[in-house]
Amino acid sequence: MNDVLSALIPPVVVGGAFIYGVVKLLRSEAAGRRPAKREETAGSQDG
């Protein structure tokens, strides 16, 4: 049982890090587009 776990831990760690990176990238890309649209609409309302 210990041999199986020791063989599976590295792929699980790499897979988890990959998924974390993809989620972080997608969230940053999605968040980066939202404020630009809000600033344009806020600027046109003030002016």
PDB file of N, CA and C in Angstrom:
ATOM      1  N   MET A   1       0.824  -1.203   0.000  1.00  0.00           N
ATOM      2  CA  MET A   1       0.000   0.000   0.000  1.00  0.00           C
ATOM      3  C   MET A   1       0.868   1.267   0.000  1.00  0.00           C
ATOM      4  N   ASN A   2       1.945   1.226   0.763  1.00  0.00           N
ATOM      5  CA  ASN A   2       2.838   2.377   0.837  1.00  0.00           C
ATOM      6  C   ASN A   2       3.517   2.623  -0.507  1.00  0.00           C
ATOM      7  N   ASP A   3       3.824   1.557  -1.237  1.00  0.00           N
ATOM      8  CA  ASP A   3       4.448   1.710  -2.552  1.00  0.00           C
ATOM      9  C   ASP A   3       3.498   2.394  -3.537  1.00  0.00           C
ATOM     10  N   VAL A   4       2.234   2.045  -3.457  1.00  0.00           N
ATOM     11  CA  VAL A   4       1.248   2.635  -4.346  1.00  0.00           C
ATOM     12  C   VAL A   4       1.096   4.127  -4.058  1.00  0.00           C
ATOM     13  N   LEU A   5       1.004   4.467  -2.788  1.00  0.00           N
ATOM     14  CA  LEU A   5       0.867   5.872  -2.420  1.00  0.00           C
ATOM     15  C   LEU A   5       2.100   6.673  -2.805  1.00  0.00           C
ATOM     16  N   SER A   6       3.266   6.116  -2.591  1.00  0.00           N
ATOM     17  CA  SER A   6       4.481   6.851  -2.938  1.00  0.00           C
ATOM     18  C   SER A   6       4.616   7.018  -4.449  1.00  0.00           C
ATOM     19  N   ALA A   7       4.025   6.120  -5.218  1.00  0.00           N
ATOM     20  CA  ALA A   7       4.068   6.257  -6.669  1.00  0.00           C
ATOM     21  C   ALA A   7       3.025   7.256  -7.169  1.00  0.00           C
ATOM     22  N   LEU A   8       1.931   7.437  -6.444  1.00  0.00           N
ATOM     23  CA  LEU A   8       0.856   8.318  -6.896  1.00  0.00           C
ATOM     24  C   LEU A   8       0.983   9.756  -6.405  1.00  0.00           C
ATOM     25  N   ILE A   9       1.748   9.993  -5.362  1.00  0.00           N
ATOM     26  CA  ILE A   9       1.835  11.349  -4.802  1.00  0.00           C
ATOM     27  C   ILE A   9       2.430  12.351  -5.787  1.00  0.00           C
ATOM     28  N   PRO A  10       3.540  12.084  -6.466  1.00  0.00           N
ATOM     29  CA  PRO A  10       4.076  13.097  -7.385  1.00  0.00           C
ATOM     30  C   PRO A  10       3.125  13.501  -8.524  1.00  0.00           C
ATOM     31  N   PRO A  11       2.456  12.566  -9.201  1.00  0.00           N
ATOM     32  CA  PRO A  11       1.513  12.996 -10.241  1.00  0.00           C
ATOM     33  C   PRO A  11       0.337  13.795  -9.682  1.00  0.00           C
ATOM     34  N   VAL A  12      -0.102  13.465  -8.491  1.00  0.00           N
ATOM     35  CA  VAL A  12      -1.209  14.203  -7.875  1.00  0.00           C
ATOM     36  C   VAL A  12      -0.766  15.630  -7.546  1.00  0.00           C
ATOM     37  N   VAL A  13       0.451  15.784  -7.054  1.00  0.00           N
ATOM     38  CA  VAL A  13       0.961  17.125  -6.732  1.00  0.00           C
ATOM     39  C   VAL A  13       1.114  17.953  -8.002  1.00  0.00           C
ATOM     40  N   VAL A  14       1.676  17.359  -9.055  1.00  0.00           N
ATOM     41  CA  VAL A  14       1.853  18.080 -10.318  1.00  0.00           C
ATOM     42  C   VAL A  14       0.497  18.426 -10.926  1.00  0.00           C
ATOM     43  N   GLY A  15      -0.434  17.499 -10.896  1.00  0.00           N
ATOM     44  CA  GLY A  15      -1.773  17.760 -11.424  1.00  0.00           C
ATOM     45  C   GLY A  15      -2.485  18.851 -10.647  1.00  0.00           C
ATOM     46  N   GLY A  16      -2.357  18.829  -9.342  1.00  0.00           N
ATOM     47  CA  GLY A  16      -2.965  19.870  -8.521  1.00  0.00           C
ATOM     48  C   GLY A  16      -2.372  21.242  -8.803  1.00  0.00           C
ATOM     49  N   ALA A  17      -1.055  21.299  -8.962  1.00  0.00           N
ATOM     50  CA  ALA A  17      -0.406  22.569  -9.273  1.00  0.00           C
ATOM     51  C   ALA A  17      -0.831  23.074 -10.649  1.00  0.00           C
ATOM     52  N   PHE A  18      -0.979  22.170 -11.604  1.00  0.00           N
ATOM     53  CA  PHE A  18      -1.411  22.556 -12.948  1.00  0.00           C
ATOM     54  C   PHE A  18      -2.832  23.114 -12.918  1.00  0.00           C
ATOM     55  N   ILE A  19      -3.722  22.420 -12.239  1.00  0.00           N
ATOM     56  CA  ILE A  19      -5.109  22.878 -12.150  1.00  0.00           C
ATOM     57  C   ILE A  19      -5.185  24.216 -11.417  1.00  0.00           C
ATOM     58  N   TYR A  20      -4.395  24.379 -10.360  1.00  0.00           N
ATOM     59  CA  TYR A  20      -4.363  25.644  -9.639  1.00  0.00           C
ATOM     60  C   TYR A  20      -3.908  26.781 -10.559  1.00  0.00           C
ATOM     61  N   GLY A  21      -2.887  26.523 -11.357  1.00  0.00           N
ATOM     62  CA  GLY A  21      -2.391  27.531 -12.282  1.00  0.00           C
ATOM     63  C   GLY A  21      -3.411  27.895 -13.342  1.00  0.00           C
ATOM     64  N   VAL A  22      -4.106  26.899 -13.874  1.00  0.00           N
ATOM     65  CA  VAL A  22      -5.124  27.169 -14.894  1.00  0.00           C
ATOM     66  C   VAL A  22      -6.263  27.988 -14.305  1.00  0.00           C
ATOM     67  N   VAL A  23      -6.719  27.640 -13.115  1.00  0.00           N
ATOM     68  CA  VAL A  23      -7.809  28.378 -12.481  1.00  0.00           C
ATOM     69  C   VAL A  23      -7.373  29.809 -12.187  1.00  0.00           C
ATOM     70  N   LYS A  24      -6.156  29.979 -11.692  1.00  0.00           N
ATOM     71  CA  LYS A  24      -5.657  31.323 -11.394  1.00  0.00           C
ATOM     72  C   LYS A  24      -5.536  32.158 -12.667  1.00  0.00           C
ATOM     73  N   LEU A  25      -5.069  31.551 -13.740  1.00  0.00           N
ATOM     74  CA  LEU A  25      -4.957  32.267 -15.011  1.00  0.00           C
ATOM     75  C   LEU A  25      -6.328  32.667 -15.540  1.00  0.00           C
ATOM     76  N   LEU A  26      -7.279  31.744 -15.503  1.00  0.00           N
ATOM     77  CA  LEU A  26      -8.618  32.053 -16.000  1.00  0.00           C
ATOM     78  C   LEU A  26      -9.291  33.144 -15.173  1.00  0.00           C
ATOM     79  N   ARG A  27      -9.101  33.098 -13.850  1.00  0.00           N
ATOM     80  CA  ARG A  27      -9.703  34.128 -13.006  1.00  0.00           C
ATOM     81  C   ARG A  27      -9.079  35.485 -13.252  1.00  0.00           C
ATOM     82  N   SER A  28      -7.768  35.517 -13.468  1.00  0.00           N
ATOM     83  CA  SER A  28      -7.118  36.807 -13.705  1.00  0.00           C
ATOM     84  C   SER A  28      -7.506  37.370 -15.072  1.00  0.00           C
ATOM     85  N   GLU A  29      -7.650  36.509 -16.051  1.00  0.00           N
ATOM     86  CA  GLU A  29      -8.074  36.968 -17.372  1.00  0.00           C
ATOM     87  C   GLU A  29      -9.508  37.485 -17.337  1.00  0.00           C
ATOM     88  N   ALA A  30     -10.371  36.805 -16.645  1.00  0.00           N
ATOM     89  CA  ALA A  30     -11.764  37.229 -16.561  1.00  0.00           C
ATOM     90  C   ALA A  30     -11.882  38.524 -15.757  1.00  0.00           C
ATOM     91  N   ALA A  31     -11.109  38.650 -14.700  1.00  0.00           N
ATOM     92  CA  ALA A  31     -11.165  39.854 -13.874  1.00  0.00           C
ATOM     93  C   ALA A  31     -10.539  41.034 -14.592  1.00  0.00           C
ATOM     94  N   GLY A  32      -9.595  40.798 -15.471  1.00  0.00           N
ATOM     95  CA  GLY A  32      -8.926  41.879 -16.166  1.00  0.00           C
ATOM     96  C   GLY A  32      -9.828  42.565 -17.174  1.00  0.00           C
ATOM     97  N   ARG A  33     -10.802  41.896 -17.666  1.00  0.00           N
ATOM     98  CA  ARG A  33     -11.687  42.471 -18.685  1.00  0.00           C
ATOM     99  C   ARG A  33     -12.838  43.247 -18.056  1.00  0.00           C
ATOM    100  N   ARG A  34     -13.270  42.885 -16.885  1.00  0.00           N
ATOM    101  CA  ARG A  34     -14.438  43.522 -16.273  1.00  0.00           C
ATOM    102  C   ARG A  34     -14.216  44.994 -15.917  1.00  0.00           C
ATOM    103  N   PRO A  35     -13.142  45.350 -15.231  1.00  0.00           N
ATOM    104  CA  PRO A  35     -13.012  46.757 -14.823  1.00  0.00           C
ATOM    105  C   PRO A  35     -12.899  47.725 -16.004  1.00  0.00           C
ATOM    106  N   ALA A  36     -12.352  47.311 -17.112  1.00  0.00           N
ATOM    107  CA  ALA A  36     -12.215  48.202 -18.263  1.00  0.00           C
ATOM    108  C   ALA A  36     -13.597  48.622 -18.764  1.00  0.00           C
ATOM    109  N   LYS A  37     -14.535  47.709 -18.796  1.00  0.00           N
ATOM    110  CA  LYS A  37     -15.888  48.046 -19.244  1.00  0.00           C
ATOM    111  C   LYS A  37     -16.572  48.959 -18.235  1.00  0.00           C
ATOM    112  N   ARG A  38     -16.350  48.727 -16.962  1.00  0.00           N
ATOM    113  CA  ARG A  38     -16.983  49.560 -15.940  1.00  0.00           C
ATOM    114  C   ARG A  38     -16.419  50.976 -15.961  1.00  0.00           C
ATOM    115  N   GLU A  39     -15.121  51.119 -16.207  1.00  0.00           N
ATOM    116  CA  GLU A  39     -14.515  52.448 -16.243  1.00  0.00           C
ATOM    117  C   GLU A  39     -15.059  53.262 -17.414  1.00  0.00           C
ATOM    118  N   GLU A  40     -15.259  52.616 -18.555  1.00  0.00           N
ATOM    119  CA  GLU A  40     -15.798  53.325 -19.715  1.00  0.00           C
ATOM    120  C   GLU A  40     -17.213  53.820 -19.439  1.00  0.00           C
ATOM    121  N   THR A  41     -18.037  52.976 -18.845  1.00  0.00           N
ATOM    122  CA  THR A  41     -19.416  53.381 -18.578  1.00  0.00           C
ATOM    123  C   THR A  41     -19.455  54.421 -17.465  1.00  0.00           C
ATOM    124  N   ALA A  42     -18.595  54.303 -16.468  1.00  0.00           N
ATOM    125  CA  ALA A  42     -18.574  55.285 -15.383  1.00  0.00           C
ATOM    126  C   ALA A  42     -18.081  56.626 -15.891  1.00  0.00           C
ATOM    127  N   GLY A  43     -17.096  56.618 -16.781  1.00  0.00           N
ATOM    128  CA  GLY A  43     -16.582  57.863 -17.318  1.00  0.00           C
ATOM    129  C   GLY A  43     -17.590  58.573 -18.190  1.00  0.00           C
ATOM    130  N   SER A  44     -18.367  57.844 -18.955  1.00  0.00           N
ATOM    131  CA  SER A  44     -19.355  58.478 -19.826  1.00  0.00           C
ATOM    132  C   SER A  44     -20.529  59.023 -19.013  1.00  0.00           C
ATOM    133  N   GLN A  45     -20.831  58.426 -17.872  1.00  0.00           N
ATOM    134  CA  GLN A  45     -21.920  58.920 -17.051  1.00  0.00           C
ATOM    135  C   GLN A  45     -21.523  60.200 -16.321  1.00  0.00           C
ATOM    136  N   ASP A  46     -20.267  60.290 -15.915  1.00  0.00           N
ATOM    137  CA  ASP A  46     -19.808  61.478 -15.193  1.00  0.00           C
ATOM    138  C   ASP A  46     -19.660  62.680 -16.123  1.00  0.00           C
ATOM    139  N   GLY A  47     -19.302  62.408 -17.367  1.00  0.00           N
ATOM    140  CA  GLY A  47     -18.992  63.498 -18.269  1.00  0.00           C
ATOM    141  C   GLY A  47     -20.143  63.884 -19.074  1.00  0.00           C
TER     142      GLY A  47
END
